[in-house]
Amino acid sequence: MTTGSKINNKRMKNKDNVLHQLDKMDNLANQLNFIVKQQQPLEVYLEGIEKLKETIEQTRLFVESEQTMYN
């Protein structure tokens, strides 16, 4: 049995949080697309980018906390 298969058998503690964050990122990407199509001000687009970056960072923290559980 390889290390990878051992990890795959364990339930991800933050799975629901990560899935929620992924949905949030998808929604933010759709919002950014809408902002571009509607030719809204650059400031609105940049605010959306900042929200997306924050969500990515939160998701990264969830994933990193999972890695420490299995090491």
N, C-alpha and C. Protein backbone atom coordinates (compact mmCIF):
# COMPACT_ATOMS: atom_id res chain seq x y z
N MET A 1 0.84 -1.18 0.00
CA MET A 1 0.00 0.00 0.00
C MET A 1 0.89 1.24 0.00
N THR A 2 0.62 2.18 -0.90
CA THR A 2 1.44 3.37 -0.98
C THR A 2 0.92 4.44 -0.04
N THR A 3 1.75 5.44 0.20
CA THR A 3 1.36 6.55 1.07
C THR A 3 0.13 7.26 0.53
N GLY A 4 0.06 7.46 -0.77
CA GLY A 4 -1.07 8.14 -1.40
C GLY A 4 -2.38 7.43 -1.12
N SER A 5 -2.37 6.10 -1.18
CA SER A 5 -3.62 5.37 -0.94
C SER A 5 -4.03 5.44 0.52
N LYS A 6 -3.07 5.54 1.43
CA LYS A 6 -3.41 5.71 2.85
C LYS A 6 -4.13 7.04 3.06
N ILE A 7 -3.64 8.07 2.45
CA ILE A 7 -4.26 9.39 2.60
C ILE A 7 -5.65 9.39 1.98
N ASN A 8 -5.82 8.75 0.84
CA ASN A 8 -7.11 8.73 0.17
C ASN A 8 -8.18 8.03 1.00
N ASN A 9 -7.78 7.12 1.89
CA ASN A 9 -8.76 6.40 2.70
C ASN A 9 -9.24 7.23 3.88
N LYS A 10 -8.57 8.31 4.21
CA LYS A 10 -8.96 9.15 5.33
C LYS A 10 -9.87 10.26 4.84
N ARG A 11 -10.85 10.61 5.67
CA ARG A 11 -11.78 11.67 5.31
C ARG A 11 -11.11 13.02 5.52
N MET A 12 -11.27 13.88 4.56
CA MET A 12 -10.72 15.23 4.64
C MET A 12 -11.52 16.02 5.66
N LYS A 13 -10.87 16.51 6.70
CA LYS A 13 -11.54 17.21 7.79
C LYS A 13 -12.25 18.47 7.29
N ASN A 14 -11.61 19.24 6.44
CA ASN A 14 -12.15 20.51 5.98
C ASN A 14 -12.78 20.43 4.60
N LYS A 15 -13.19 19.24 4.18
CA LYS A 15 -13.72 19.05 2.83
C LYS A 15 -14.90 19.99 2.55
N ASP A 16 -15.85 20.07 3.46
CA ASP A 16 -17.01 20.94 3.24
C ASP A 16 -16.59 22.40 3.12
N ASN A 17 -15.63 22.82 3.95
CA ASN A 17 -15.14 24.20 3.88
C ASN A 17 -14.46 24.46 2.54
N VAL A 18 -13.66 23.52 2.09
CA VAL A 18 -12.95 23.68 0.82
C VAL A 18 -13.94 23.72 -0.34
N LEU A 19 -14.93 22.84 -0.31
CA LEU A 19 -15.94 22.84 -1.38
C LEU A 19 -16.72 24.16 -1.39
N HIS A 20 -17.02 24.68 -0.22
CA HIS A 20 -17.70 25.98 -0.12
C HIS A 20 -16.83 27.08 -0.71
N GLN A 21 -15.55 27.05 -0.37
CA GLN A 21 -14.62 28.05 -0.89
C GLN A 21 -14.51 27.96 -2.41
N LEU A 22 -14.49 26.74 -2.94
CA LEU A 22 -14.43 26.57 -4.40
C LEU A 22 -15.67 27.13 -5.07
N ASP A 23 -16.83 26.91 -4.47
CA ASP A 23 -18.06 27.51 -5.00
C ASP A 23 -17.98 29.03 -4.97
N LYS A 24 -17.44 29.54 -3.89
CA LYS A 24 -17.28 30.99 -3.74
C LYS A 24 -16.36 31.55 -4.84
N MET A 25 -15.26 30.84 -5.10
CA MET A 25 -14.34 31.29 -6.14
C MET A 25 -15.00 31.23 -7.51
N ASP A 26 -15.79 30.20 -7.77
CA ASP A 26 -16.50 30.10 -9.03
C ASP A 26 -17.46 31.28 -9.20
N ASN A 27 -18.20 31.60 -8.13
CA ASN A 27 -19.11 32.73 -8.19
C ASN A 27 -18.37 34.05 -8.41
N LEU A 28 -17.24 34.21 -7.75
CA LEU A 28 -16.46 35.44 -7.94
C LEU A 28 -15.93 35.54 -9.37
N ALA A 29 -15.51 34.43 -9.93
CA ALA A 29 -15.05 34.44 -11.33
C ALA A 29 -16.18 34.84 -12.26
N ASN A 30 -17.38 34.32 -12.01
CA ASN A 30 -18.54 34.69 -12.81
C ASN A 30 -18.86 36.18 -12.67
N GLN A 31 -18.74 36.69 -11.45
CA GLN A 31 -18.97 38.12 -11.22
C GLN A 31 -17.96 38.97 -11.97
N LEU A 32 -16.70 38.54 -11.95
CA LEU A 32 -15.66 39.28 -12.67
C LEU A 32 -15.94 39.28 -14.17
N ASN A 33 -16.38 38.15 -14.68
CA ASN A 33 -16.74 38.06 -16.09
C ASN A 33 -17.88 39.03 -16.42
N PHE A 34 -18.88 39.10 -15.55
CA PHE A 34 -19.99 40.01 -15.74
C PHE A 34 -19.52 41.47 -15.71
N ILE A 35 -18.62 41.77 -14.77
CA ILE A 35 -18.08 43.13 -14.65
C ILE A 35 -17.41 43.55 -15.95
N VAL A 36 -16.64 42.65 -16.53
CA VAL A 36 -15.95 42.95 -17.79
C VAL A 36 -16.96 43.15 -18.92
N LYS A 37 -17.92 42.24 -19.01
CA LYS A 37 -18.91 42.33 -20.08
C LYS A 37 -19.73 43.62 -19.99
N GLN A 38 -19.99 44.07 -18.78
CA GLN A 38 -20.78 45.28 -18.57
C GLN A 38 -19.92 46.55 -18.60
N GLN A 39 -18.62 46.36 -18.77
CA GLN A 39 -17.66 47.46 -18.82
C GLN A 39 -17.79 48.37 -17.59
N GLN A 40 -17.88 47.72 -16.45
CA GLN A 40 -17.96 48.46 -15.19
C GLN A 40 -16.60 49.07 -14.87
N PRO A 41 -16.55 50.02 -13.94
CA PRO A 41 -15.29 50.68 -13.60
C PRO A 41 -14.20 49.69 -13.14
N LEU A 42 -12.99 50.05 -13.44
CA LEU A 42 -11.83 49.23 -13.07
C LEU A 42 -11.81 48.95 -11.56
N GLU A 43 -12.21 49.91 -10.76
CA GLU A 43 -12.19 49.74 -9.30
C GLU A 43 -13.08 48.57 -8.87
N VAL A 44 -14.22 48.41 -9.52
CA VAL A 44 -15.13 47.31 -9.20
C VAL A 44 -14.46 45.98 -9.52
N TYR A 45 -13.78 45.92 -10.65
CA TYR A 45 -13.06 44.71 -11.06
C TYR A 45 -11.94 44.40 -10.07
N LEU A 46 -11.19 45.41 -9.68
CA LEU A 46 -10.08 45.21 -8.75
C LEU A 46 -10.57 44.76 -7.38
N GLU A 47 -11.71 45.26 -6.94
CA GLU A 47 -12.29 44.80 -5.67
C GLU A 47 -12.64 43.32 -5.76
N GLY A 48 -13.18 42.91 -6.89
CA GLY A 48 -13.50 41.50 -7.10
C GLY A 48 -12.26 40.63 -7.09
N ILE A 49 -11.20 41.12 -7.69
CA ILE A 49 -9.92 40.38 -7.70
C ILE A 49 -9.42 40.21 -6.26
N GLU A 50 -9.52 41.25 -5.45
CA GLU A 50 -9.08 41.16 -4.05
C GLU A 50 -9.90 40.13 -3.28
N LYS A 51 -11.22 40.12 -3.49
CA LYS A 51 -12.07 39.12 -2.84
C LYS A 51 -11.67 37.71 -3.26
N LEU A 52 -11.38 37.54 -4.54
CA LEU A 52 -10.98 36.24 -5.05
C LEU A 52 -9.65 35.81 -4.43
N LYS A 53 -8.70 36.73 -4.32
CA LYS A 53 -7.41 36.41 -3.71
C LYS A 53 -7.56 36.03 -2.24
N GLU A 54 -8.46 36.71 -1.53
CA GLU A 54 -8.71 36.37 -0.12
C GLU A 54 -9.30 34.97 0.00
N THR A 55 -10.22 34.64 -0.89
CA THR A 55 -10.84 33.33 -0.87
C THR A 55 -9.82 32.24 -1.19
N ILE A 56 -8.94 32.51 -2.13
CA ILE A 56 -7.87 31.55 -2.46
C ILE A 56 -6.97 31.33 -1.25
N GLU A 57 -6.63 32.39 -0.55
CA GLU A 57 -5.77 32.28 0.62
C GLU A 57 -6.46 31.48 1.73
N GLN A 58 -7.75 31.72 1.95
CA GLN A 58 -8.50 30.95 2.95
C GLN A 58 -8.51 29.46 2.59
N THR A 59 -8.71 29.18 1.33
CA THR A 59 -8.73 27.79 0.86
C THR A 59 -7.36 27.15 1.04
N ARG A 60 -6.33 27.90 0.74
CA ARG A 60 -4.95 27.39 0.92
C ARG A 60 -4.73 27.01 2.39
N LEU A 61 -5.22 27.83 3.31
CA LEU A 61 -5.06 27.53 4.74
C LEU A 61 -5.79 26.25 5.13
N PHE A 62 -7.00 26.06 4.59
CA PHE A 62 -7.73 24.82 4.86
C PHE A 62 -6.93 23.61 4.38
N VAL A 63 -6.40 23.69 3.17
CA VAL A 63 -5.65 22.57 2.58
C VAL A 63 -4.37 22.33 3.37
N GLU A 64 -3.67 23.39 3.73
CA GLU A 64 -2.43 23.22 4.50
C GLU A 64 -2.69 22.60 5.86
N SER A 65 -3.81 22.93 6.48
CA SER A 65 -4.12 22.32 7.77
C SER A 65 -4.40 20.83 7.61
N GLU A 66 -4.94 20.42 6.47
CA GLU A 66 -5.16 19.00 6.19
C GLU A 66 -3.83 18.27 6.07
N GLN A 67 -2.87 18.88 5.40
CA GLN A 67 -1.58 18.24 5.19
C GLN A 67 -0.89 17.96 6.50
N THR A 68 -1.00 18.85 7.49
CA THR A 68 -0.33 18.64 8.76
C THR A 68 -0.99 17.52 9.56
N MET A 69 -2.26 17.23 9.27
CA MET A 69 -2.95 16.13 9.97
C MET A 69 -2.38 14.78 9.58
N TYR A 70 -1.90 14.63 8.36
CA TYR A 70 -1.46 13.34 7.86
C TYR A 70 0.05 13.17 7.87
N ASN A 71 0.77 14.14 8.36
CA ASN A 71 2.24 14.03 8.41
C ASN A 71 2.70 13.59 9.77
